[in-house]
């Protein structure tokens, strides 16, 4: 397992596009858009906080994670399958669970680095408060990120080619981002849309991040949806995984 992690990490780092979309893009958006007057305004709908104090950092975290989960990760594994790498792996003791776990660990590590930079630089340069509940925030981040990777691994298992995988992921990504409050804060959405979003995999992740960032406890429903997404979709990914 350790050798596989080292090898897959080296291969991941050779692809600069993955690091750009996972780390530099969300960080650039946070620092660039976060300095605008609109993001600095105090909003009554957000409890007297600035949008950038709560909503925007959580959304940039979501953007980093979902980009990796629904485009980078599926593309990597689908390309492996298309180029015959997985077929050669099938002749070794490597199991689908071990391969999928290695990919999840690598992408999770990159997501942790990206989020640490978002929090640290946002606090130093834009005076964004640190998460009010650090440990619950970390737990929500790990659970939500793993659940999104479960969806990405399922796309990896089903996508026919390396080029189609990120396309499928993008088709899912944009409606899920909308329901999670990427463009319109969930507090400003109609009740019906918020309730629908509560049962989709991404909206509970975003809301739980915002809750713990503000120092509040995450909702039990949101934690349950994230856990169920990880177990169900991750299990399906391992079951449906194809070497060729």
C-alpha atoms as a PDB file:
ATOM      1  CA  UNK A   1       0.000   0.000   0.000  1.00  0.00           C
ATOM      2  CA  UNK A   2       2.820   2.413   0.878  1.00  0.00           C
ATOM      3  CA  UNK A   3       4.567   1.810  -2.450  1.00  0.00           C
ATOM      4  CA  UNK A   4       1.334   2.451  -4.295  1.00  0.00           C
ATOM      5  CA  UNK A   5       0.790   5.705  -2.418  1.00  0.00           C
ATOM      6  CA  UNK A   6       4.309   6.899  -3.250  1.00  0.00           C
ATOM      7  CA  UNK A   7       3.972   5.982  -6.919  1.00  0.00           C
ATOM      8  CA  UNK A   8       0.528   7.508  -7.333  1.00  0.00           C
ATOM      9  CA  UNK A   9       1.646  10.675  -5.536  1.00  0.00           C
ATOM     10  CA  UNK A  10       4.556  11.103  -7.945  1.00  0.00           C
ATOM     11  CA  UNK A  11       2.221  10.643 -10.916  1.00  0.00           C
ATOM     12  CA  UNK A  12      -0.246  13.146  -9.458  1.00  0.00           C
ATOM     13  CA  UNK A  13       2.423  15.797  -8.939  1.00  0.00           C
ATOM     14  CA  UNK A  14       3.521  15.477 -12.548  1.00  0.00           C
ATOM     15  CA  UNK A  15       0.161  16.901 -13.640  1.00  0.00           C
ATOM     16  CA  UNK A  16       0.325  20.668 -12.915  1.00  0.00           C
ATOM     17  CA  UNK A  17      -3.260  21.163 -14.075  1.00  0.00           C
ATOM     18  CA  UNK A  18      -4.583  19.203 -11.107  1.00  0.00           C
ATOM     19  CA  UNK A  19      -2.701  21.381  -8.619  1.00  0.00           C
ATOM     20  CA  UNK A  20      -3.768  24.584 -10.391  1.00  0.00           C
ATOM     21  CA  UNK A  21      -7.464  23.747 -10.267  1.00  0.00           C
ATOM     22  CA  UNK A  22      -7.343  22.236  -6.787  1.00  0.00           C
ATOM     23  CA  UNK A  23      -5.185  24.833  -5.019  1.00  0.00           C
ATOM     24  CA  UNK A  24      -4.394  27.967  -7.014  1.00  0.00           C
ATOM     25  CA  UNK A  25      -7.836  28.599  -8.530  1.00  0.00           C
ATOM     26  CA  UNK A  26      -9.819  28.621  -5.243  1.00  0.00           C
ATOM     27  CA  UNK A  27      -7.045  30.598  -3.525  1.00  0.00           C
ATOM     28  CA  UNK A  28      -6.969  33.158  -6.337  1.00  0.00           C
ATOM     29  CA  UNK A  29     -10.748  33.546  -6.249  1.00  0.00           C
ATOM     30  CA  UNK A  30     -10.753  33.967  -2.477  1.00  0.00           C
ATOM     31  CA  UNK A  31      -8.042  36.622  -2.456  1.00  0.00           C
ATOM     32  CA  UNK A  32      -9.208  38.353  -5.638  1.00  0.00           C
ATOM     33  CA  UNK A  33     -12.977  38.443  -5.239  1.00  0.00           C
ATOM     34  CA  UNK A  34     -12.736  38.556  -1.462  1.00  0.00           C
ATOM     35  CA  UNK A  35     -11.165  41.999  -1.573  1.00  0.00           C
ATOM     36  CA  UNK A  36     -14.079  43.530  -3.519  1.00  0.00           C
ATOM     37  CA  UNK A  37     -16.545  45.855  -1.807  1.00  0.00           C
ATOM     38  CA  UNK A  38     -19.459  43.458  -2.299  1.00  0.00           C
ATOM     39  CA  UNK A  39     -17.761  40.744  -0.297  1.00  0.00           C
ATOM     40  CA  UNK A  40     -16.831  43.216   2.438  1.00  0.00           C
ATOM     41  CA  UNK A  41     -20.394  44.441   3.017  1.00  0.00           C
ATOM     42  CA  UNK A  42     -22.179  43.368   6.184  1.00  0.00           C
ATOM     43  CA  UNK A  43     -25.289  41.294   5.411  1.00  0.00           C
ATOM     44  CA  UNK A  44     -28.314  41.107   7.705  1.00  0.00           C
ATOM     45  CA  UNK A  45     -29.264  37.778   6.090  1.00  0.00           C
ATOM     46  CA  UNK A  46     -25.969  36.342   7.363  1.00  0.00           C
ATOM     47  CA  UNK A  47     -26.434  37.517  10.940  1.00  0.00           C
ATOM     48  CA  UNK A  48     -24.540  40.759  10.573  1.00  0.00           C
ATOM     49  CA  UNK A  49     -21.431  39.114   9.142  1.00  0.00           C
ATOM     50  CA  UNK A  50     -19.634  39.926   5.919  1.00  0.00           C
ATOM     51  CA  UNK A  51     -20.163  37.447   3.110  1.00  0.00           C
ATOM     52  CA  UNK A  52     -16.434  36.810   3.068  1.00  0.00           C
ATOM     53  CA  UNK A  53     -16.399  36.020   6.797  1.00  0.00           C
ATOM     54  CA  UNK A  54     -18.481  32.874   6.434  1.00  0.00           C
ATOM     55  CA  UNK A  55     -20.087  32.060   3.114  1.00  0.00           C
ATOM     56  CA  UNK A  56     -17.255  32.708   0.683  1.00  0.00           C
ATOM     57  CA  UNK A  57     -14.389  30.791   2.367  1.00  0.00           C
ATOM     58  CA  UNK A  58     -16.609  27.743   2.786  1.00  0.00           C
ATOM     59  CA  UNK A  59     -17.607  27.940  -0.868  1.00  0.00           C
ATOM     60  CA  UNK A  60     -13.988  28.170  -2.000  1.00  0.00           C
ATOM     61  CA  UNK A  61     -13.272  25.063   0.075  1.00  0.00           C
ATOM     62  CA  UNK A  62     -16.195  23.335  -1.629  1.00  0.00           C
ATOM     63  CA  UNK A  63     -14.941  24.457  -5.058  1.00  0.00           C
ATOM     64  CA  UNK A  64     -11.486  23.023  -4.405  1.00  0.00           C
ATOM     65  CA  UNK A  65     -12.857  19.695  -3.179  1.00  0.00           C
ATOM     66  CA  UNK A  66     -15.503  19.277  -5.861  1.00  0.00           C
ATOM     67  CA  UNK A  67     -13.059  20.122  -8.655  1.00  0.00           C
ATOM     68  CA  UNK A  68     -10.784  17.345  -7.496  1.00  0.00           C
ATOM     69  CA  UNK A  69     -13.598  14.900  -6.767  1.00  0.00           C
ATOM     70  CA  UNK A  70     -15.633  15.285  -9.952  1.00  0.00           C
ATOM     71  CA  UNK A  71     -13.018  16.147 -12.592  1.00  0.00           C
ATOM     72  CA  UNK A  72      -9.418  15.389 -11.540  1.00  0.00           C
ATOM     73  CA  UNK A  73     -10.003  12.045  -9.795  1.00  0.00           C
ATOM     74  CA  UNK A  74     -12.406  10.522 -12.378  1.00  0.00           C
ATOM     75  CA  UNK A  75     -10.175  11.635 -15.255  1.00  0.00           C
ATOM     76  CA  UNK A  76      -7.112  10.007 -13.681  1.00  0.00           C
ATOM     77  CA  UNK A  77      -8.671   6.585 -13.158  1.00  0.00           C
ATOM     78  CA  UNK A  78     -10.606   6.565 -16.421  1.00  0.00           C
ATOM     79  CA  UNK A  79      -7.413   7.450 -18.296  1.00  0.00           C
ATOM     80  CA  UNK A  80      -5.615   4.625 -16.500  1.00  0.00           C
ATOM     81  CA  UNK A  81      -8.307   2.252 -17.757  1.00  0.00           C
ATOM     82  CA  UNK A  82      -8.265   3.601 -21.296  1.00  0.00           C
ATOM     83  CA  UNK A  83      -4.466   3.450 -21.603  1.00  0.00           C
ATOM     84  CA  UNK A  84      -4.252  -0.102 -20.247  1.00  0.00           C
ATOM     85  CA  UNK A  85      -2.617   0.750 -16.915  1.00  0.00           C
ATOM     86  CA  UNK A  86      -5.461  -0.831 -14.968  1.00  0.00           C
ATOM     87  CA  UNK A  87      -5.362  -3.947 -17.119  1.00  0.00           C
ATOM     88  CA  UNK A  88      -1.713  -4.428 -16.155  1.00  0.00           C
ATOM     89  CA  UNK A  89      -2.540  -3.744 -12.496  1.00  0.00           C
ATOM     90  CA  UNK A  90      -5.155  -6.495 -12.661  1.00  0.00           C
ATOM     91  CA  UNK A  91      -2.363  -9.051 -13.032  1.00  0.00           C
ATOM     92  CA  UNK A  92      -0.847  -7.966  -9.688  1.00  0.00           C
ATOM     93  CA  UNK A  93      -2.142  -8.463  -6.127  1.00  0.00           C
ATOM     94  CA  UNK A  94      -3.565  -4.912  -6.182  1.00  0.00           C
ATOM     95  CA  UNK A  95      -7.301  -4.930  -5.436  1.00  0.00           C
ATOM     96  CA  UNK A  96      -9.839  -2.306  -6.557  1.00  0.00           C
ATOM     97  CA  UNK A  97     -10.379  -1.264  -2.938  1.00  0.00           C
ATOM     98  CA  UNK A  98      -6.641  -0.676  -2.445  1.00  0.00           C
ATOM     99  CA  UNK A  99      -6.335   1.353  -5.642  1.00  0.00           C
ATOM    100  CA  UNK A 100      -9.411   3.461  -4.904  1.00  0.00           C
ATOM    101  CA  UNK A 101      -8.258   4.017  -1.323  1.00  0.00           C
ATOM    102  CA  UNK A 102      -4.840   5.190  -2.510  1.00  0.00           C
ATOM    103  CA  UNK A 103      -6.429   7.676  -4.895  1.00  0.00           C
ATOM    104  CA  UNK A 104      -8.736   8.958  -2.169  1.00  0.00           C
ATOM    105  CA  UNK A 105      -5.857   9.414   0.305  1.00  0.00           C
ATOM    106  CA  UNK A 106      -3.740  11.359  -2.214  1.00  0.00           C
ATOM    107  CA  UNK A 107      -6.578  13.650  -3.226  1.00  0.00           C
ATOM    108  CA  UNK A 108      -7.599  14.126   0.399  1.00  0.00           C
ATOM    109  CA  UNK A 109      -4.052  15.234   1.260  1.00  0.00           C
ATOM    110  CA  UNK A 110      -4.129  17.825  -1.532  1.00  0.00           C
ATOM    111  CA  UNK A 111      -7.539  19.029  -0.337  1.00  0.00           C
ATOM    112  CA  UNK A 112      -6.154  19.470   3.183  1.00  0.00           C
ATOM    113  CA  UNK A 113      -3.251  21.564   1.854  1.00  0.00           C
ATOM    114  CA  UNK A 114      -5.611  23.685  -0.246  1.00  0.00           C
ATOM    115  CA  UNK A 115      -7.961  24.306   2.674  1.00  0.00           C
ATOM    116  CA  UNK A 116      -5.100  25.144   5.052  1.00  0.00           C
ATOM    117  CA  UNK A 117      -3.858  27.769   2.577  1.00  0.00           C
ATOM    118  CA  UNK A 118      -7.367  29.194   2.152  1.00  0.00           C
ATOM    119  CA  UNK A 119      -7.828  29.530   5.908  1.00  0.00           C
ATOM    120  CA  UNK A 120      -4.336  30.807   6.684  1.00  0.00           C
ATOM    121  CA  UNK A 121      -3.937  33.343   3.873  1.00  0.00           C
ATOM    122  CA  UNK A 122      -7.552  34.444   4.131  1.00  0.00           C
ATOM    123  CA  UNK A 123      -7.017  35.228   7.799  1.00  0.00           C
ATOM    124  CA  UNK A 124      -3.685  36.994   7.282  1.00  0.00           C
ATOM    125  CA  UNK A 125      -4.550  39.010   4.174  1.00  0.00           C
ATOM    126  CA  UNK A 126      -8.318  39.570   4.393  1.00  0.00           C
ATOM    127  CA  UNK A 127      -8.876  39.402   8.160  1.00  0.00           C
ATOM    128  CA  UNK A 128     -11.275  36.492   7.749  1.00  0.00           C
ATOM    129  CA  UNK A 129     -11.992  34.927  11.149  1.00  0.00           C
ATOM    130  CA  UNK A 130     -10.694  31.438  11.730  1.00  0.00           C
ATOM    131  CA  UNK A 131     -13.279  28.644  12.050  1.00  0.00           C
ATOM    132  CA  UNK A 132     -15.199  29.178  15.269  1.00  0.00           C
ATOM    133  CA  UNK A 133     -15.356  25.433  15.982  1.00  0.00           C
ATOM    134  CA  UNK A 134     -12.015  24.075  14.706  1.00  0.00           C
ATOM    135  CA  UNK A 135     -12.438  20.398  15.589  1.00  0.00           C
ATOM    136  CA  UNK A 136     -16.028  20.072  14.296  1.00  0.00           C
ATOM    137  CA  UNK A 137     -14.947  22.004  11.191  1.00  0.00           C
ATOM    138  CA  UNK A 138     -12.095  19.542  10.601  1.00  0.00           C
ATOM    139  CA  UNK A 139     -14.427  16.585  11.104  1.00  0.00           C
ATOM    140  CA  UNK A 140     -17.014  17.999   8.716  1.00  0.00           C
ATOM    141  CA  UNK A 141     -14.310  18.756   6.173  1.00  0.00           C
ATOM    142  CA  UNK A 142     -12.924  15.211   6.241  1.00  0.00           C
ATOM    143  CA  UNK A 143     -16.357  13.566   6.119  1.00  0.00           C
ATOM    144  CA  UNK A 144     -17.682  15.854   3.387  1.00  0.00           C
ATOM    145  CA  UNK A 145     -14.529  15.560   1.288  1.00  0.00           C
ATOM    146  CA  UNK A 146     -14.586  11.774   1.547  1.00  0.00           C
ATOM    147  CA  UNK A 147     -18.268  11.733   0.526  1.00  0.00           C
ATOM    148  CA  UNK A 148     -17.543  13.845  -2.558  1.00  0.00           C
ATOM    149  CA  UNK A 149     -14.661  11.545  -3.458  1.00  0.00           C
ATOM    150  CA  UNK A 150     -17.105   8.646  -3.172  1.00  0.00           C
ATOM    151  CA  UNK A 151     -19.140  10.275  -5.955  1.00  0.00           C
ATOM    152  CA  UNK A 152     -15.967  10.877  -7.962  1.00  0.00           C
ATOM    153  CA  UNK A 153     -14.890   7.253  -7.596  1.00  0.00           C
ATOM    154  CA  UNK A 154     -18.292   6.107  -8.838  1.00  0.00           C
ATOM    155  CA  UNK A 155     -17.869   8.286 -11.936  1.00  0.00           C
ATOM    156  CA  UNK A 156     -14.397   6.763 -12.350  1.00  0.00           C
ATOM    157  CA  UNK A 157     -15.868   3.268 -12.253  1.00  0.00           C
ATOM    158  CA  UNK A 158     -18.513   4.009 -14.887  1.00  0.00           C
ATOM    159  CA  UNK A 159     -16.879   6.507 -17.281  1.00  0.00           C
ATOM    160  CA  UNK A 160     -15.966   4.825 -20.598  1.00  0.00           C
ATOM    161  CA  UNK A 161     -12.990   7.068 -21.441  1.00  0.00           C
ATOM    162  CA  UNK A 162     -10.587   9.533 -19.834  1.00  0.00           C
ATOM    163  CA  UNK A 163     -12.105  12.430 -21.758  1.00  0.00           C
ATOM    164  CA  UNK A 164     -15.696  11.583 -20.849  1.00  0.00           C
ATOM    165  CA  UNK A 165     -15.022  11.318 -17.090  1.00  0.00           C
ATOM    166  CA  UNK A 166     -14.511  15.048 -16.380  1.00  0.00           C
ATOM    167  CA  UNK A 167     -17.425  15.839 -18.690  1.00  0.00           C
ATOM    168  CA  UNK A 168     -19.738  13.638 -16.647  1.00  0.00           C
ATOM    169  CA  UNK A 169     -18.358  15.179 -13.479  1.00  0.00           C
ATOM    170  CA  UNK A 170     -18.957  18.707 -14.779  1.00  0.00           C
ATOM    171  CA  UNK A 171     -22.568  17.904 -15.654  1.00  0.00           C
ATOM    172  CA  UNK A 172     -23.116  16.934 -12.031  1.00  0.00           C
ATOM    173  CA  UNK A 173     -20.901  19.630 -10.537  1.00  0.00           C
ATOM    174  CA  UNK A 174     -22.683  22.803 -11.578  1.00  0.00           C
ATOM    175  CA  UNK A 175     -26.230  21.962 -10.403  1.00  0.00           C
ATOM    176  CA  UNK A 176     -24.810  20.563  -7.172  1.00  0.00           C
ATOM    177  CA  UNK A 177     -22.768  23.732  -6.639  1.00  0.00           C
ATOM    178  CA  UNK A 178     -25.872  25.845  -7.151  1.00  0.00           C
ATOM    179  CA  UNK A 179     -27.865  23.853  -4.606  1.00  0.00           C
ATOM    180  CA  UNK A 180     -24.975  24.106  -2.144  1.00  0.00           C
ATOM    181  CA  UNK A 181     -25.122  27.919  -2.245  1.00  0.00           C
ATOM    182  CA  UNK A 182     -22.114  28.675  -4.438  1.00  0.00           C
ATOM    183  CA  UNK A 183     -23.754  31.585  -6.271  1.00  0.00           C
ATOM    184  CA  UNK A 184     -26.677  32.386  -3.960  1.00  0.00           C
ATOM    185  CA  UNK A 185     -26.217  31.855  -0.194  1.00  0.00           C
ATOM    186  CA  UNK A 186     -28.538  29.130   1.033  1.00  0.00           C
ATOM    187  CA  UNK A 187     -29.942  31.551   3.613  1.00  0.00           C
ATOM    188  CA  UNK A 188     -31.353  33.565   0.703  1.00  0.00           C
ATOM    189  CA  UNK A 189     -32.846  30.571  -1.140  1.00  0.00           C
ATOM    190  CA  UNK A 190     -36.546  29.623  -0.978  1.00  0.00           C
ATOM    191  CA  UNK A 191     -37.345  27.028   1.657  1.00  0.00           C
ATOM    192  CA  UNK A 192     -38.188  24.399  -0.977  1.00  0.00           C
ATOM    193  CA  UNK A 193     -34.765  24.656  -2.638  1.00  0.00           C
ATOM    194  CA  UNK A 194     -33.025  24.487   0.722  1.00  0.00           C
ATOM    195  CA  UNK A 195     -34.931  21.344   1.673  1.00  0.00           C
ATOM    196  CA  UNK A 196     -34.127  19.665  -1.642  1.00  0.00           C
ATOM    197  CA  UNK A 197     -30.472  20.618  -1.233  1.00  0.00           C
ATOM    198  CA  UNK A 198     -30.388  19.102   2.261  1.00  0.00           C
ATOM    199  CA  UNK A 199     -30.670  15.627   0.712  1.00  0.00           C
ATOM    200  CA  UNK A 200     -28.102  16.118  -2.064  1.00  0.00           C
ATOM    201  CA  UNK A 201     -24.447  15.247  -1.388  1.00  0.00           C
ATOM    202  CA  UNK A 202     -22.919  18.713  -1.721  1.00  0.00           C
ATOM    203  CA  UNK A 203     -25.343  21.097  -0.006  1.00  0.00           C
ATOM    204  CA  UNK A 204     -25.041  19.409   3.421  1.00  0.00           C
ATOM    205  CA  UNK A 205     -21.255  19.629   3.101  1.00  0.00           C
ATOM    206  CA  UNK A 206     -21.329  23.353   2.343  1.00  0.00           C
ATOM    207  CA  UNK A 207     -23.880  24.157   5.042  1.00  0.00           C
ATOM    208  CA  UNK A 208     -22.022  22.142   7.682  1.00  0.00           C
ATOM    209  CA  UNK A 209     -18.791  23.956   6.776  1.00  0.00           C
ATOM    210  CA  UNK A 210     -20.506  27.326   7.169  1.00  0.00           C
ATOM    211  CA  UNK A 211     -22.122  26.286  10.452  1.00  0.00           C
ATOM    212  CA  UNK A 212     -18.857  25.153  12.026  1.00  0.00           C
ATOM    213  CA  UNK A 213     -16.985  28.140  10.582  1.00  0.00           C
ATOM    214  CA  UNK A 214     -19.468  30.376  12.382  1.00  0.00           C
ATOM    215  CA  UNK A 215     -18.972  28.401  15.602  1.00  0.00           C
ATOM    216  CA  UNK A 216     -22.276  26.526  15.430  1.00  0.00           C
ATOM    217  CA  UNK A 217     -22.847  22.776  15.542  1.00  0.00           C
ATOM    218  CA  UNK A 218     -23.498  20.969  12.243  1.00  0.00           C
ATOM    219  CA  UNK A 219     -26.968  19.581  11.738  1.00  0.00           C
ATOM    220  CA  UNK A 220     -27.424  15.853  12.298  1.00  0.00           C
ATOM    221  CA  UNK A 221     -29.264  15.501   8.986  1.00  0.00           C
ATOM    222  CA  UNK A 222     -26.328  16.959   7.071  1.00  0.00           C
ATOM    223  CA  UNK A 223     -23.837  14.629   8.769  1.00  0.00           C
ATOM    224  CA  UNK A 224     -26.083  11.645   8.048  1.00  0.00           C
ATOM    225  CA  UNK A 225     -26.421  12.571   4.357  1.00  0.00           C
ATOM    226  CA  UNK A 226     -22.647  12.922   3.970  1.00  0.00           C
ATOM    227  CA  UNK A 227     -21.981   9.604   5.724  1.00  0.00           C
ATOM    228  CA  UNK A 228     -24.630   7.816   3.658  1.00  0.00           C
ATOM    229  CA  UNK A 229     -23.192   9.286   0.447  1.00  0.00           C
ATOM    230  CA  UNK A 230     -19.719   8.019   1.313  1.00  0.00           C
ATOM    231  CA  UNK A 231     -20.876   4.508   2.243  1.00  0.00           C
ATOM    232  CA  UNK A 232     -23.328   4.002  -0.607  1.00  0.00           C
ATOM    233  CA  UNK A 233     -21.423   5.616  -3.473  1.00  0.00           C
ATOM    234  CA  UNK A 234     -18.016   4.406  -2.287  1.00  0.00           C
ATOM    235  CA  UNK A 235     -19.375   0.871  -2.006  1.00  0.00           C
ATOM    236  CA  UNK A 236     -20.920   1.073  -5.475  1.00  0.00           C
ATOM    237  CA  UNK A 237     -17.640   2.377  -6.900  1.00  0.00           C
ATOM    238  CA  UNK A 238     -15.732  -0.626  -5.530  1.00  0.00           C
ATOM    239  CA  UNK A 239     -18.411  -3.055  -6.692  1.00  0.00           C
ATOM    240  CA  UNK A 240     -18.747  -1.625 -10.225  1.00  0.00           C
ATOM    241  CA  UNK A 241     -15.050  -0.945 -10.751  1.00  0.00           C
ATOM    242  CA  UNK A 242     -13.692  -2.335 -14.045  1.00  0.00           C
ATOM    243  CA  UNK A 243     -10.043  -3.001 -14.836  1.00  0.00           C
ATOM    244  CA  UNK A 244     -10.688  -2.627 -18.585  1.00  0.00           C
END
